Amino acid sequence: MNESLPSLNALRVFETVARLQHFRRAAEALSLSPAAVSQHMRQLEAALGVALFERSRQGAQLTAAGRQLQAGVEPALAQLRDAVQYVSEGRARAAPTRLRLAVLPSLATCWLYARLLDWQQLHPQWELDLQASTAVQAMKGLDAALRFGPGRWPDALAERLAGDRLVAVAAPALLQRLPLAAQREPAQLFARLPLLRHSATPWAPWLAEAGLDAHGLDWRASLRDAGVQVAAARAAQGLALTRFSLVADALASGELRQVHPHSPATDWAYHLARPRSGRLHPGLNALRDWLRAQFHASGLN
């Protein structure tokens, strides 16, 4: 197996053609002749043994192989450009102490805050400046954002950290209001205890998949924040259907219990996103690795 990499020039030309979807425009952007761009792409396709573009008069459309290569080349070149810029400007000798990170309030409250001491002990040179927001905010003014979503955002480059799964949980004090036999019978448990609602984790599909009837259940007011929903469950206000990441610590401590084994994976995952332009914070790779390790320790991958 040939593990040698194509030339950096060829990858740079490929990234430009893929982004502009046009050979002539890419040549203009790179200050190269169209013939030179075409030669680079022919050599790259020959080296990889696949077609990367479907060429036409209108431009150049990526093939499936081309899209796969673009997904890896684009963030790699962006990181390389940032690293070169960072060193050339002499910032490596005076690294910033703050690493500005946006994070969902629910994840910050239920999961991240309890782990910050570990980060500070491992990386005392970088202070996490957390900015909590329920919106997928613009990356301006941030070094990174810990987002839960599909993984592709127009304003950011993102690396997947971990998936999640849905769990139904309740406080032991709430369960103890029922006879022991009812606690062990899911149909009775869900029929006799109130259910806390949240728009991001609808009960109906989960109940159907778990083989439970959704009719006649005691629905409580819908809560707009997932962290508030978890807090209500911990206060024995009802059953909550929520992401495992938000209750991992409460389940480990016994403050909450999982009331049904059905635990489907979520469609979305946690990603560490960084701006598409601007310098790369020197602590970002360390933050990515640390977050990934923390998710893994919590039982998420």
C-alpha atoms as a PDB file:
ATOM      1  CA  MET A   1       0.000   0.000   0.000  1.00  0.00           C
ATOM      2  CA  ASN A   2       1.379   3.403  -1.045  1.00  0.00           C
ATOM      3  CA  GLU A   3       1.081   5.722   1.954  1.00  0.00           C
ATOM      4  CA  SER A   4       2.919   8.708   0.430  1.00  0.00           C
ATOM      5  CA  LEU A   5       0.942  11.946   0.355  1.00  0.00           C
ATOM      6  CA  PRO A   6       0.340  14.053  -2.758  1.00  0.00           C
ATOM      7  CA  SER A   7       2.263  17.298  -2.964  1.00  0.00           C
ATOM      8  CA  LEU A   8       1.053  20.226  -0.888  1.00  0.00           C
ATOM      9  CA  ASN A   9       0.777  22.325  -4.062  1.00  0.00           C
ATOM     10  CA  ALA A  10      -1.528  19.768  -5.650  1.00  0.00           C
ATOM     11  CA  LEU A  11      -3.741  19.670  -2.559  1.00  0.00           C
ATOM     12  CA  ARG A  12      -3.826  23.474  -2.413  1.00  0.00           C
ATOM     13  CA  VAL A  13      -4.894  23.634  -6.054  1.00  0.00           C
ATOM     14  CA  PHE A  14      -7.481  20.913  -5.479  1.00  0.00           C
ATOM     15  CA  GLU A  15      -8.977  22.761  -2.497  1.00  0.00           C
ATOM     16  CA  THR A  16      -9.314  25.955  -4.560  1.00  0.00           C
ATOM     17  CA  VAL A  17     -10.914  24.210  -7.547  1.00  0.00           C
ATOM     18  CA  ALA A  18     -13.277  22.313  -5.230  1.00  0.00           C
ATOM     19  CA  ARG A  19     -14.283  25.503  -3.438  1.00  0.00           C
ATOM     20  CA  LEU A  20     -14.813  27.571  -6.597  1.00  0.00           C
ATOM     21  CA  GLN A  21     -16.066  24.632  -8.711  1.00  0.00           C
ATOM     22  CA  HIS A  22     -14.257  26.096 -11.703  1.00  0.00           C
ATOM     23  CA  PHE A  23     -10.759  25.535 -13.142  1.00  0.00           C
ATOM     24  CA  ARG A  24     -10.331  28.987 -14.698  1.00  0.00           C
ATOM     25  CA  ARG A  25     -11.480  30.825 -11.571  1.00  0.00           C
ATOM     26  CA  ALA A  26      -9.177  28.676  -9.470  1.00  0.00           C
ATOM     27  CA  ALA A  27      -6.294  29.540 -11.783  1.00  0.00           C
ATOM     28  CA  GLU A  28      -7.029  33.256 -11.335  1.00  0.00           C
ATOM     29  CA  ALA A  29      -7.250  32.904  -7.559  1.00  0.00           C
ATOM     30  CA  LEU A  30      -3.914  31.060  -7.443  1.00  0.00           C
ATOM     31  CA  SER A  31      -2.157  33.231 -10.049  1.00  0.00           C
ATOM     32  CA  LEU A  32      -1.571  30.150 -12.191  1.00  0.00           C
ATOM     33  CA  SER A  33      -2.396  29.358 -15.790  1.00  0.00           C
ATOM     34  CA  PRO A  34      -5.477  27.188 -16.443  1.00  0.00           C
ATOM     35  CA  ALA A  35      -3.161  24.633 -18.027  1.00  0.00           C
ATOM     36  CA  ALA A  36      -1.085  24.418 -14.839  1.00  0.00           C
ATOM     37  CA  VAL A  37      -4.224  23.909 -12.749  1.00  0.00           C
ATOM     38  CA  SER A  38      -5.449  21.172 -15.082  1.00  0.00           C
ATOM     39  CA  GLN A  39      -2.056  19.455 -14.965  1.00  0.00           C
ATOM     40  CA  HIS A  40      -2.020  19.487 -11.167  1.00  0.00           C
ATOM     41  CA  MET A  41      -5.473  17.888 -11.095  1.00  0.00           C
ATOM     42  CA  ARG A  42      -4.603  15.245 -13.695  1.00  0.00           C
ATOM     43  CA  GLN A  43      -1.506  14.281 -11.714  1.00  0.00           C
ATOM     44  CA  LEU A  44      -3.482  14.183  -8.443  1.00  0.00           C
ATOM     45  CA  GLU A  45      -6.199  12.001  -9.962  1.00  0.00           C
ATOM     46  CA  ALA A  46      -3.562   9.701 -11.447  1.00  0.00           C
ATOM     47  CA  ALA A  47      -1.781   9.411  -8.097  1.00  0.00           C
ATOM     48  CA  LEU A  48      -5.021   8.592  -6.255  1.00  0.00           C
ATOM     49  CA  GLY A  49      -6.455   6.397  -8.994  1.00  0.00           C
ATOM     50  CA  VAL A  50      -9.880   8.095  -8.896  1.00  0.00           C
ATOM     51  CA  ALA A  51     -11.705  10.899 -10.703  1.00  0.00           C
ATOM     52  CA  LEU A  52     -12.153  13.916  -8.453  1.00  0.00           C
ATOM     53  CA  PHE A  53     -14.192  16.150 -10.784  1.00  0.00           C
ATOM     54  CA  GLU A  54     -16.849  15.898 -13.438  1.00  0.00           C
ATOM     55  CA  ARG A  55     -15.783  18.564 -15.929  1.00  0.00           C
ATOM     56  CA  SER A  56     -18.192  20.573 -18.097  1.00  0.00           C
ATOM     57  CA  ARG A  57     -18.413  23.979 -19.745  1.00  0.00           C
ATOM     58  CA  GLN A  58     -20.250  25.264 -16.695  1.00  0.00           C
ATOM     59  CA  GLY A  59     -17.457  24.287 -14.308  1.00  0.00           C
ATOM     60  CA  ALA A  60     -16.165  21.359 -12.283  1.00  0.00           C
ATOM     61  CA  GLN A  61     -18.439  19.322 -10.016  1.00  0.00           C
ATOM     62  CA  LEU A  62     -16.937  17.117  -7.325  1.00  0.00           C
ATOM     63  CA  THR A  63     -17.396  13.379  -7.573  1.00  0.00           C
ATOM     64  CA  ALA A  64     -18.118  11.326  -4.459  1.00  0.00           C
ATOM     65  CA  ALA A  65     -14.369  10.720  -4.080  1.00  0.00           C
ATOM     66  CA  GLY A  66     -13.740  14.438  -4.566  1.00  0.00           C
ATOM     67  CA  ARG A  67     -16.198  15.379  -1.830  1.00  0.00           C
ATOM     68  CA  GLN A  68     -14.551  12.918   0.535  1.00  0.00           C
ATOM     69  CA  LEU A  69     -11.113  14.373  -0.199  1.00  0.00           C
ATOM     70  CA  GLN A  70     -12.400  17.937   0.204  1.00  0.00           C
ATOM     71  CA  ALA A  71     -13.803  17.111   3.651  1.00  0.00           C
ATOM     72  CA  GLY A  72     -10.313  16.213   4.832  1.00  0.00           C
ATOM     73  CA  VAL A  73      -8.193  18.672   2.857  1.00  0.00           C
ATOM     74  CA  GLU A  74     -10.148  21.858   3.631  1.00  0.00           C
ATOM     75  CA  PRO A  75      -9.751  21.822   7.447  1.00  0.00           C
ATOM     76  CA  ALA A  76      -6.179  20.506   7.206  1.00  0.00           C
ATOM     77  CA  LEU A  77      -5.055  23.365   4.956  1.00  0.00           C
ATOM     78  CA  ALA A  78      -6.914  25.906   7.087  1.00  0.00           C
ATOM     79  CA  GLN A  79      -5.148  24.646  10.201  1.00  0.00           C
ATOM     80  CA  LEU A  80      -1.797  24.665   8.416  1.00  0.00           C
ATOM     81  CA  ARG A  81      -2.303  28.253   7.221  1.00  0.00           C
ATOM     82  CA  ASP A  82      -3.240  29.363  10.730  1.00  0.00           C
ATOM     83  CA  ALA A  83      -0.225  27.656  12.269  1.00  0.00           C
ATOM     84  CA  VAL A  84       2.148  29.306   9.771  1.00  0.00           C
ATOM     85  CA  GLN A  85       0.533  32.698  10.345  1.00  0.00           C
ATOM     86  CA  TYR A  86       0.685  32.253  14.095  1.00  0.00           C
ATOM     87  CA  VAL A  87       4.399  31.464  14.104  1.00  0.00           C
ATOM     88  CA  SER A  88       5.261  34.123  11.514  1.00  0.00           C
ATOM     89  CA  GLU A  89       3.630  36.812  13.643  1.00  0.00           C
ATOM     90  CA  GLY A  90       5.656  35.760  16.671  1.00  0.00           C
ATOM     91  CA  ARG A  91       2.615  34.876  18.756  1.00  0.00           C
ATOM     92  CA  ALA A  92       4.089  31.542  19.771  1.00  0.00           C
ATOM     93  CA  ARG A  93       6.413  33.414  22.148  1.00  0.00           C
ATOM     94  CA  ALA A  94       3.489  35.165  23.827  1.00  0.00           C
ATOM     95  CA  ALA A  95       0.610  32.704  23.823  1.00  0.00           C
ATOM     96  CA  PRO A  96      -2.734  34.099  24.987  1.00  0.00           C
ATOM     97  CA  THR A  97      -3.935  32.871  28.347  1.00  0.00           C
ATOM     98  CA  ARG A  98      -7.634  32.834  27.474  1.00  0.00           C
ATOM     99  CA  LEU A  99      -9.388  30.319  25.275  1.00  0.00           C
ATOM    100  CA  ARG A 100     -12.859  31.656  24.466  1.00  0.00           C
ATOM    101  CA  LEU A 101     -15.361  28.808  24.162  1.00  0.00           C
ATOM    102  CA  ALA A 102     -19.118  29.000  23.498  1.00  0.00           C
ATOM    103  CA  VAL A 103     -21.162  26.182  24.999  1.00  0.00           C
ATOM    104  CA  LEU A 104     -24.829  25.310  25.512  1.00  0.00           C
ATOM    105  CA  PRO A 105     -25.971  26.348  29.025  1.00  0.00           C
ATOM    106  CA  SER A 106     -27.450  22.885  29.646  1.00  0.00           C
ATOM    107  CA  LEU A 107     -24.176  21.117  28.851  1.00  0.00           C
ATOM    108  CA  ALA A 108     -22.167  23.672  30.810  1.00  0.00           C
ATOM    109  CA  THR A 109     -24.343  23.312  33.901  1.00  0.00           C
ATOM    110  CA  CYS A 110     -24.970  19.566  33.819  1.00  0.00           C
ATOM    111  CA  TRP A 111     -21.608  18.319  32.564  1.00  0.00           C
ATOM    112  CA  LEU A 112     -18.773  20.725  31.772  1.00  0.00           C
ATOM    113  CA  TYR A 113     -18.487  22.799  34.961  1.00  0.00           C
ATOM    114  CA  ALA A 114     -17.800  19.711  37.077  1.00  0.00           C
ATOM    115  CA  ARG A 115     -14.769  18.933  34.893  1.00  0.00           C
ATOM    116  CA  LEU A 116     -13.100  22.345  34.688  1.00  0.00           C
ATOM    117  CA  LEU A 117     -10.733  21.677  37.595  1.00  0.00           C
ATOM    118  CA  ASP A 118      -9.241  18.783  35.650  1.00  0.00           C
ATOM    119  CA  TRP A 119      -8.641  21.069  32.654  1.00  0.00           C
ATOM    120  CA  GLN A 120      -7.018  23.722  34.844  1.00  0.00           C
ATOM    121  CA  GLN A 121      -4.697  21.177  36.440  1.00  0.00           C
ATOM    122  CA  LEU A 122      -3.646  19.719  33.086  1.00  0.00           C
ATOM    123  CA  HIS A 123      -3.383  23.021  31.197  1.00  0.00           C
ATOM    124  CA  PRO A 124      -2.788  25.889  33.645  1.00  0.00           C
ATOM    125  CA  GLN A 125      -1.435  28.059  30.806  1.00  0.00           C
ATOM    126  CA  TRP A 126      -4.867  28.300  29.158  1.00  0.00           C
ATOM    127  CA  GLU A 127      -7.912  29.657  30.952  1.00  0.00           C
ATOM    128  CA  LEU A 128     -11.276  28.646  29.524  1.00  0.00           C
ATOM    129  CA  ASP A 129     -13.495  31.693  29.065  1.00  0.00           C
ATOM    130  CA  LEU A 130     -16.952  30.091  28.758  1.00  0.00           C
ATOM    131  CA  GLN A 131     -19.762  31.915  26.983  1.00  0.00           C
ATOM    132  CA  ALA A 132     -23.092  30.137  27.441  1.00  0.00           C
ATOM    133  CA  SER A 133     -25.734  30.516  24.749  1.00  0.00           C
ATOM    134  CA  THR A 134     -28.725  28.502  23.540  1.00  0.00           C
ATOM    135  CA  ALA A 135     -28.262  29.836  19.994  1.00  0.00           C
ATOM    136  CA  VAL A 136     -25.734  28.620  17.449  1.00  0.00           C
ATOM    137  CA  GLN A 137     -24.038  31.961  17.557  1.00  0.00           C
ATOM    138  CA  ALA A 138     -21.594  33.475  15.094  1.00  0.00           C
ATOM    139  CA  MET A 139     -17.975  32.550  15.648  1.00  0.00           C
ATOM    140  CA  LYS A 140     -16.814  36.169  15.789  1.00  0.00           C
ATOM    141  CA  GLY A 141     -14.964  36.837  19.022  1.00  0.00           C
ATOM    142  CA  LEU A 142     -14.600  33.132  19.809  1.00  0.00           C
ATOM    143  CA  ASP A 143     -11.743  30.678  19.578  1.00  0.00           C
ATOM    144  CA  ALA A 144     -14.120  27.700  19.455  1.00  0.00           C
ATOM    145  CA  ALA A 145     -17.655  26.524  20.161  1.00  0.00           C
ATOM    146  CA  LEU A 146     -18.802  23.226  21.645  1.00  0.00           C
ATOM    147  CA  ARG A 147     -21.869  22.530  19.507  1.00  0.00           C
ATOM    148  CA  PHE A 148     -24.451  19.771  19.351  1.00  0.00           C
ATOM    149  CA  GLY A 149     -25.601  19.310  15.792  1.00  0.00           C
ATOM    150  CA  PRO A 150     -25.063  17.714  12.375  1.00  0.00           C
ATOM    151  CA  GLY A 151     -21.409  18.749  12.127  1.00  0.00           C
ATOM    152  CA  ARG A 152     -21.488  21.185   9.193  1.00  0.00           C
ATOM    153  CA  TRP A 153     -21.917  24.928   9.730  1.00  0.00           C
ATOM    154  CA  PRO A 154     -21.206  27.644   7.151  1.00  0.00           C
ATOM    155  CA  ASP A 155     -19.242  29.777   9.616  1.00  0.00           C
ATOM    156  CA  ALA A 156     -17.043  27.060  11.118  1.00  0.00           C
ATOM    157  CA  LEU A 157     -14.844  24.024  10.682  1.00  0.00           C
ATOM    158  CA  ALA A 158     -15.930  21.256  13.037  1.00  0.00           C
ATOM    159  CA  GLU A 159     -14.444  18.052  14.441  1.00  0.00           C
ATOM    160  CA  ARG A 160     -16.698  15.377  15.909  1.00  0.00           C
ATOM    161  CA  LEU A 161     -16.102  14.658  19.588  1.00  0.00           C
ATOM    162  CA  ALA A 162     -18.818  12.195  20.637  1.00  0.00           C
ATOM    163  CA  GLY A 163     -22.341  11.073  19.953  1.00  0.00           C
ATOM    164  CA  ASP A 164     -25.109  10.914  22.512  1.00  0.00           C
ATOM    165  CA  ARG A 165     -28.209   8.881  23.303  1.00  0.00           C
ATOM    166  CA  LEU A 166     -31.621   9.492  24.828  1.00  0.00           C
ATOM    167  CA  VAL A 167     -32.525   8.145  28.254  1.00  0.00           C
ATOM    168  CA  ALA A 168     -35.667   8.314  30.378  1.00  0.00           C
ATOM    169  CA  VAL A 169     -34.773   9.214  33.968  1.00  0.00           C
ATOM    170  CA  ALA A 170     -36.420  10.022  37.279  1.00  0.00           C
ATOM    171  CA  ALA A 171     -35.431  10.855  40.828  1.00  0.00           C
ATOM    172  CA  PRO A 172     -35.593   7.943  43.315  1.00  0.00           C
ATOM    173  CA  ALA A 173     -37.926  10.049  45.481  1.00  0.00           C
ATOM    174  CA  LEU A 174     -40.443  10.186  42.629  1.00  0.00           C
ATOM    175  CA  LEU A 175     -40.246   6.454  41.975  1.00  0.00           C
ATOM    176  CA  GLN A 176     -40.751   5.677  45.648  1.00  0.00           C
ATOM    177  CA  ARG A 177     -44.249   7.169  45.465  1.00  0.00           C
ATOM    178  CA  LEU A 178     -45.277   4.012  43.612  1.00  0.00           C
ATOM    179  CA  PRO A 179     -45.514   0.458  44.931  1.00  0.00           C
ATOM    180  CA  LEU A 180     -42.431  -1.625  44.203  1.00  0.00           C
ATOM    181  CA  ALA A 181     -44.328  -3.744  41.666  1.00  0.00           C
ATOM    182  CA  ALA A 182     -45.361  -0.637  39.718  1.00  0.00           C
ATOM    183  CA  GLN A 183     -41.769   0.633  39.691  1.00  0.00           C
ATOM    184  CA  ARG A 184     -40.728  -2.543  37.897  1.00  0.00           C
ATOM    185  CA  GLU A 185     -43.529  -2.439  35.314  1.00  0.00           C
ATOM    186  CA  PRO A 186     -42.866   0.206  32.611  1.00  0.00           C
ATOM    187  CA  ALA A 187     -46.502   0.473  31.529  1.00  0.00           C
ATOM    188  CA  GLN A 188     -47.604   1.303  35.076  1.00  0.00           C
ATOM    189  CA  LEU A 189     -44.620   3.523  35.753  1.00  0.00           C
ATOM    190  CA  PHE A 190     -45.291   5.788  32.762  1.00  0.00           C
ATOM    191  CA  ALA A 191     -49.055   5.738  33.292  1.00  0.00           C
ATOM    192  CA  ARG A 192     -48.831   6.826  36.930  1.00  0.00           C
ATOM    193  CA  LEU A 193     -46.017   9.400  36.925  1.00  0.00           C
ATOM    194  CA  PRO A 194     -45.932  12.840  35.249  1.00  0.00           C
ATOM    195  CA  LEU A 195     -43.753  13.327  32.159  1.00  0.00           C
ATOM    196  CA  LEU A 196     -41.643  16.458  31.665  1.00  0.00           C
ATOM    197  CA  ARG A 197     -41.636  17.697  28.086  1.00  0.00           C
ATOM    198  CA  HIS A 198     -38.907  19.379  26.034  1.00  0.00           C
ATOM    199  CA  SER A 199     -39.219  20.246  22.341  1.00  0.00           C
ATOM    200  CA  ALA A 200     -35.795  18.874  21.417  1.00  0.00           C
ATOM    201  CA  THR A 201     -36.536  15.421  22.879  1.00  0.00           C
ATOM    202  CA  PRO A 202     -40.164  14.551  22.029  1.00  0.00           C
ATOM    203  CA  TRP A 203     -41.645  11.679  23.998  1.00  0.00           C
ATOM    204  CA  ALA A 204     -43.972  10.248  21.325  1.00  0.00           C
ATOM    205  CA  PRO A 205     -41.342   8.570  19.055  1.00  0.00           C
ATOM    206  CA  TRP A 206     -39.426   7.244  22.059  1.00  0.00           C
ATOM    207  CA  LEU A 207     -42.563   5.774  23.670  1.00  0.00           C
ATOM    208  CA  ALA A 208     -43.590   4.125  20.389  1.00  0.00           C
ATOM    209  CA  GLU A 209     -40.138   2.557  19.940  1.00  0.00           C
ATOM    210  CA  ALA A 210     -40.199   1.369  23.562  1.00  0.00           C
ATOM    211  CA  GLY A 211     -43.589  -0.283  23.018  1.00  0.00           C
ATOM    212  CA  LEU A 212     -45.449   2.034  25.399  1.00  0.00           C
ATOM    213  CA  ASP A 213     -48.828   3.705  24.902  1.00  0.00           C
ATOM    214  CA  ALA A 214     -48.696   7.511  24.849  1.00  0.00           C
ATOM    215  CA  HIS A 215     -52.436   7.987  25.402  1.00  0.00           C
ATOM    216  CA  GLY A 216     -53.726   9.155  28.768  1.00  0.00           C
ATOM    217  CA  LEU A 217     -50.337  10.057  30.215  1.00  0.00           C
ATOM    218  CA  ASP A 218     -49.812  12.911  32.668  1.00  0.00           C
ATOM    219  CA  TRP A 219     -48.019  15.584  30.596  1.00  0.00           C
ATOM    220  CA  ARG A 220     -46.442  18.430  32.498  1.00  0.00           C
ATOM    221  CA  ALA A 221     -45.710  21.903  31.065  1.00  0.00           C
ATOM    222  CA  SER A 222     -43.128  21.973  28.294  1.00  0.00           C
ATOM    223  CA  LEU A 223     -39.737  23.273  29.425  1.00  0.00           C
ATOM    224  CA  ARG A 224     -37.696  25.318  26.967  1.00  0.00           C
ATOM    225  CA  ASP A 225     -34.245  24.569  28.425  1.00  0.00           C
ATOM    226  CA  ALA A 226     -32.823  21.053  28.692  1.00  0.00           C
ATOM    227  CA  GLY A 227     -30.910  21.988  31.826  1.00  0.00           C
ATOM    228  CA  VAL A 228     -34.123  23.139  33.500  1.00  0.00           C
ATOM    229  CA  GLN A 229     -35.772  19.864  32.509  1.00  0.00           C
ATOM    230  CA  VAL A 230     -32.955  17.907  34.178  1.00  0.00           C
ATOM    231  CA  ALA A 231     -33.216  20.116  37.275  1.00  0.00           C
ATOM    232  CA  ALA A 232     -36.963  19.435  37.419  1.00  0.00           C
ATOM    233  CA  ALA A 233     -36.340  15.695  37.184  1.00  0.00           C
ATOM    234  CA  ARG A 234     -33.771  15.886  39.994  1.00  0.00           C
ATOM    235  CA  ALA A 235     -36.366  17.724  42.075  1.00  0.00           C
ATOM    236  CA  ALA A 236     -38.773  14.767  41.596  1.00  0.00           C
ATOM    237  CA  GLN A 237     -41.163  16.774  39.440  1.00  0.00           C
ATOM    238  CA  GLY A 238     -41.538  14.072  36.774  1.00  0.00           C
ATOM    239  CA  LEU A 239     -39.908  11.706  34.307  1.00  0.00           C
ATOM    240  CA  ALA A 240     -37.513  13.334  31.848  1.00  0.00           C
ATOM    241  CA  LEU A 241     -36.416  12.184  28.411  1.00  0.00           C
ATOM    242  CA  THR A 242     -33.049  13.772  27.858  1.00  0.00           C
ATOM    243  CA  ARG A 243     -29.547  13.347  26.457  1.00  0.00           C
ATOM    244  CA  PHE A 244     -27.376  10.961  28.449  1.00  0.00           C
ATOM    245  CA  SER A 245     -24.570  13.540  28.589  1.00  0.00           C
ATOM    246  CA  LEU A 246     -26.770  15.846  30.693  1.00  0.00           C
ATOM    247  CA  VAL A 247     -27.533  13.199  33.334  1.00  0.00           C
ATOM    248  CA  ALA A 248     -24.385  11.046  33.252  1.00  0.00           C
ATOM    249  CA  ASP A 249     -23.122  12.421  36.566  1.00  0.00           C
ATOM    250  CA  ALA A 250     -26.552  12.286  38.245  1.00  0.00           C
ATOM    251  CA  LEU A 251     -26.981   8.659  37.150  1.00  0.00           C
ATOM    252  CA  ALA A 252     -23.499   7.755  38.409  1.00  0.00           C
ATOM    253  CA  SER A 253     -24.223   9.333  41.809  1.00  0.00           C
ATOM    254  CA  GLY A 254     -27.688   7.775  42.122  1.00  0.00           C
ATOM    255  CA  GLU A 255     -29.400  11.163  42.128  1.00  0.00           C
ATOM    256  CA  LEU A 256     -31.332  10.000  39.058  1.00  0.00           C
ATOM    257  CA  ARG A 257     -32.230   6.525  37.792  1.00  0.00           C
ATOM    258  CA  GLN A 258     -32.779   5.288  34.269  1.00  0.00           C
ATOM    259  CA  VAL A 259     -36.355   3.992  34.243  1.00  0.00           C
ATOM    260  CA  HIS A 260     -36.362   2.101  30.937  1.00  0.00           C
ATOM    261  CA  PRO A 261     -33.589   0.299  28.995  1.00  0.00           C
ATOM    262  CA  HIS A 262     -34.549   1.843  25.644  1.00  0.00           C
ATOM    263  CA  SER A 263     -31.712   4.291  24.897  1.00  0.00           C
ATOM    264  CA  PRO A 264     -31.499   5.167  21.175  1.00  0.00           C
ATOM    265  CA  ALA A 265     -28.588   7.113  19.737  1.00  0.00           C
ATOM    266  CA  THR A 266     -29.269  10.721  18.775  1.00  0.00           C
ATOM    267  CA  ASP A 267     -28.979  11.830  15.147  1.00  0.00           C
ATOM    268  CA  TRP A 268     -26.717  14.710  16.157  1.00  0.00           C
ATOM    269  CA  ALA A 269     -23.353  14.655  17.937  1.00  0.00           C
ATOM    270  CA  TYR A 270     -21.071  16.998  19.853  1.00  0.00           C
ATOM    271  CA  HIS A 271     -18.513  18.860  17.743  1.00  0.00           C
ATOM    272  CA  LEU A 272     -15.733  21.293  18.492  1.00  0.00           C
ATOM    273  CA  ALA A 273     -16.136  24.091  15.954  1.00  0.00           C
ATOM    274  CA  ARG A 274     -13.649  26.835  15.146  1.00  0.00           C
ATOM    275  CA  PRO A 275     -13.886  29.866  12.836  1.00  0.00           C
ATOM    276  CA  ARG A 276     -13.071  29.239   9.189  1.00  0.00           C
ATOM    277  CA  SER A 277     -10.795  32.265   9.146  1.00  0.00           C
ATOM    278  CA  GLY A 278      -8.451  33.782  11.688  1.00  0.00           C
ATOM    279  CA  ARG A 279      -5.655  32.380  13.772  1.00  0.00           C
ATOM    280  CA  LEU A 280      -5.684  28.972  15.395  1.00  0.00           C
ATOM    281  CA  HIS A 281      -5.528  29.198  19.181  1.00  0.00           C
ATOM    282  CA  PRO A 282      -2.514  27.176  20.384  1.00  0.00           C
ATOM    283  CA  GLY A 283      -4.606  25.416  23.021  1.00  0.00           C
ATOM    284  CA  LEU A 284      -7.337  24.264  20.663  1.00  0.00           C
ATOM    285  CA  ASN A 285      -5.925  20.826  19.878  1.00  0.00           C
ATOM    286  CA  ALA A 286      -5.386  20.200  23.584  1.00  0.00           C
ATOM    287  CA  LEU A 287      -8.987  21.245  24.263  1.00  0.00           C
ATOM    288  CA  ARG A 288     -10.282  18.916  21.543  1.00  0.00           C
ATOM    289  CA  ASP A 289      -8.362  15.952  22.946  1.00  0.00           C
ATOM    290  CA  TRP A 290      -9.398  16.748  26.509  1.00  0.00           C
ATOM    291  CA  LEU A 291     -13.082  17.074  25.637  1.00  0.00           C
ATOM    292  CA  ARG A 292     -13.004  13.836  23.664  1.00  0.00           C
ATOM    293  CA  ALA A 293     -11.411  12.056  26.632  1.00  0.00           C
ATOM    294  CA  GLN A 294     -13.999  13.509  29.026  1.00  0.00           C
ATOM    295  CA  PHE A 295     -16.884  12.360  26.831  1.00  0.00           C
ATOM    296  CA  HIS A 296     -15.330   8.903  26.595  1.00  0.00           C
ATOM    297  CA  ALA A 297     -14.970   8.722  30.383  1.00  0.00           C
ATOM    298  CA  SER A 298     -18.668   9.604  30.632  1.00  0.00           C
ATOM    299  CA  GLY A 299     -19.583   6.658  28.408  1.00  0.00           C
ATOM    300  CA  LEU A 300     -19.962   8.541  25.130  1.00  0.00           C
ATOM    301  CA  ASN A 301     -18.018   8.058  21.889  1.00  0.00           C
END
